[in-house]
């Protein structure tokens, strides 16, 4: 195990975790280890504004457009 990853911040490890080399693997292992022991240094916490407006998108379930059939083809019922 490379002990230099113990001194890196959560934000640095998060930036390294997508690398496809040994450093990325060690960063993912360190993130996993920190989750298991419950350690968080606070550098990678996402802040959500509680007063921000909530925007909900309309659902498109069940609103398929009308189908256009070729000439001579009937719709089955």
C-alpha atoms as a PDB file:
ATOM      1  CA  UNK A   1       0.000   0.000   0.000  1.00  0.00           C
ATOM      2  CA  UNK A   2       1.249   3.469  -0.887  1.00  0.00           C
ATOM      3  CA  UNK A   3       1.092   5.585   2.283  1.00  0.00           C
ATOM      4  CA  UNK A   4       1.017   8.883   0.370  1.00  0.00           C
ATOM      5  CA  UNK A   5      -2.704   8.333  -0.259  1.00  0.00           C
ATOM      6  CA  UNK A   6      -3.370   8.568   3.486  1.00  0.00           C
ATOM      7  CA  UNK A   7      -2.354  12.233   3.430  1.00  0.00           C
ATOM      8  CA  UNK A   8      -4.484  13.221   0.407  1.00  0.00           C
ATOM      9  CA  UNK A   9      -7.792  15.022   0.890  1.00  0.00           C
ATOM     10  CA  UNK A  10     -11.136  13.539  -0.096  1.00  0.00           C
ATOM     11  CA  UNK A  11     -11.377  15.982  -3.002  1.00  0.00           C
ATOM     12  CA  UNK A  12      -7.973  14.946  -4.366  1.00  0.00           C
ATOM     13  CA  UNK A  13      -8.887  11.261  -4.102  1.00  0.00           C
ATOM     14  CA  UNK A  14     -12.200  11.883  -5.851  1.00  0.00           C
ATOM     15  CA  UNK A  15     -10.391  13.540  -8.753  1.00  0.00           C
ATOM     16  CA  UNK A  16      -7.988  10.594  -9.022  1.00  0.00           C
ATOM     17  CA  UNK A  17     -10.516   7.749  -8.758  1.00  0.00           C
ATOM     18  CA  UNK A  18     -11.354   7.720 -12.489  1.00  0.00           C
ATOM     19  CA  UNK A  19      -7.749   7.148 -13.568  1.00  0.00           C
ATOM     20  CA  UNK A  20      -7.188   3.757 -15.173  1.00  0.00           C
ATOM     21  CA  UNK A  21      -3.795   3.057 -13.610  1.00  0.00           C
ATOM     22  CA  UNK A  22      -2.362   1.964 -10.280  1.00  0.00           C
ATOM     23  CA  UNK A  23      -2.839   5.433  -8.752  1.00  0.00           C
ATOM     24  CA  UNK A  24      -6.537   5.347  -9.589  1.00  0.00           C
ATOM     25  CA  UNK A  25      -6.842   1.902  -8.068  1.00  0.00           C
ATOM     26  CA  UNK A  26      -5.113   3.034  -4.878  1.00  0.00           C
ATOM     27  CA  UNK A  27      -7.322   6.129  -4.714  1.00  0.00           C
ATOM     28  CA  UNK A  28     -10.461   3.957  -4.992  1.00  0.00           C
ATOM     29  CA  UNK A  29      -9.137   1.640  -2.280  1.00  0.00           C
ATOM     30  CA  UNK A  30      -8.432   4.597   0.023  1.00  0.00           C
ATOM     31  CA  UNK A  31     -11.923   6.021  -0.562  1.00  0.00           C
ATOM     32  CA  UNK A  32     -13.380   2.614   0.287  1.00  0.00           C
ATOM     33  CA  UNK A  33     -11.222   2.357   3.434  1.00  0.00           C
ATOM     34  CA  UNK A  34     -12.287   5.819   4.591  1.00  0.00           C
ATOM     35  CA  UNK A  35     -15.963   4.941   4.099  1.00  0.00           C
ATOM     36  CA  UNK A  36     -15.542   1.757   6.164  1.00  0.00           C
ATOM     37  CA  UNK A  37     -13.964   3.601   9.116  1.00  0.00           C
ATOM     38  CA  UNK A  38     -16.307   6.603   8.784  1.00  0.00           C
ATOM     39  CA  UNK A  39     -13.648   9.211   8.052  1.00  0.00           C
ATOM     40  CA  UNK A  40     -14.477  12.427   6.182  1.00  0.00           C
ATOM     41  CA  UNK A  41     -12.279  15.528   6.053  1.00  0.00           C
ATOM     42  CA  UNK A  42     -15.068  17.678   4.598  1.00  0.00           C
ATOM     43  CA  UNK A  43     -13.359  18.749   1.384  1.00  0.00           C
ATOM     44  CA  UNK A  44     -15.675  16.773  -0.913  1.00  0.00           C
ATOM     45  CA  UNK A  45     -19.042  17.571   0.701  1.00  0.00           C
ATOM     46  CA  UNK A  46     -21.638  18.940  -1.707  1.00  0.00           C
ATOM     47  CA  UNK A  47     -23.553  21.899  -0.276  1.00  0.00           C
ATOM     48  CA  UNK A  48     -27.242  22.168  -1.141  1.00  0.00           C
ATOM     49  CA  UNK A  49     -29.052  25.480  -0.690  1.00  0.00           C
ATOM     50  CA  UNK A  50     -32.258  24.769   1.282  1.00  0.00           C
ATOM     51  CA  UNK A  51     -33.891  27.970  -0.019  1.00  0.00           C
ATOM     52  CA  UNK A  52     -33.345  27.152  -3.689  1.00  0.00           C
ATOM     53  CA  UNK A  53     -36.446  26.675  -5.795  1.00  0.00           C
ATOM     54  CA  UNK A  54     -37.310  23.084  -6.649  1.00  0.00           C
ATOM     55  CA  UNK A  55     -37.832  22.574 -10.354  1.00  0.00           C
ATOM     56  CA  UNK A  56     -39.876  19.538 -11.288  1.00  0.00           C
ATOM     57  CA  UNK A  57     -39.982  18.301 -14.848  1.00  0.00           C
ATOM     58  CA  UNK A  58     -43.250  17.098 -16.301  1.00  0.00           C
ATOM     59  CA  UNK A  59     -43.528  13.360 -16.690  1.00  0.00           C
ATOM     60  CA  UNK A  60     -43.680  12.032 -20.238  1.00  0.00           C
ATOM     61  CA  UNK A  61     -44.951   8.593 -19.227  1.00  0.00           C
ATOM     62  CA  UNK A  62     -47.952   7.567 -21.310  1.00  0.00           C
ATOM     63  CA  UNK A  63     -47.723  10.474 -23.724  1.00  0.00           C
ATOM     64  CA  UNK A  64     -46.381   8.733 -26.777  1.00  0.00           C
ATOM     65  CA  UNK A  65     -46.971  10.566 -30.058  1.00  0.00           C
ATOM     66  CA  UNK A  66     -49.518   9.277 -32.541  1.00  0.00           C
ATOM     67  CA  UNK A  67     -48.105   6.637 -34.792  1.00  0.00           C
ATOM     68  CA  UNK A  68     -48.141   7.176 -38.526  1.00  0.00           C
ATOM     69  CA  UNK A  69     -48.740   4.003 -40.495  1.00  0.00           C
ATOM     70  CA  UNK A  70     -47.658   3.278 -44.028  1.00  0.00           C
ATOM     71  CA  UNK A  71     -50.209   3.323 -46.815  1.00  0.00           C
ATOM     72  CA  UNK A  72     -52.369   0.179 -46.790  1.00  0.00           C
ATOM     73  CA  UNK A  73     -51.503  -0.813 -43.190  1.00  0.00           C
ATOM     74  CA  UNK A  74     -54.320  -0.834 -40.656  1.00  0.00           C
ATOM     75  CA  UNK A  75     -53.941  -0.341 -36.963  1.00  0.00           C
ATOM     76  CA  UNK A  76     -54.725  -3.516 -35.001  1.00  0.00           C
ATOM     77  CA  UNK A  77     -57.304  -3.231 -32.250  1.00  0.00           C
END
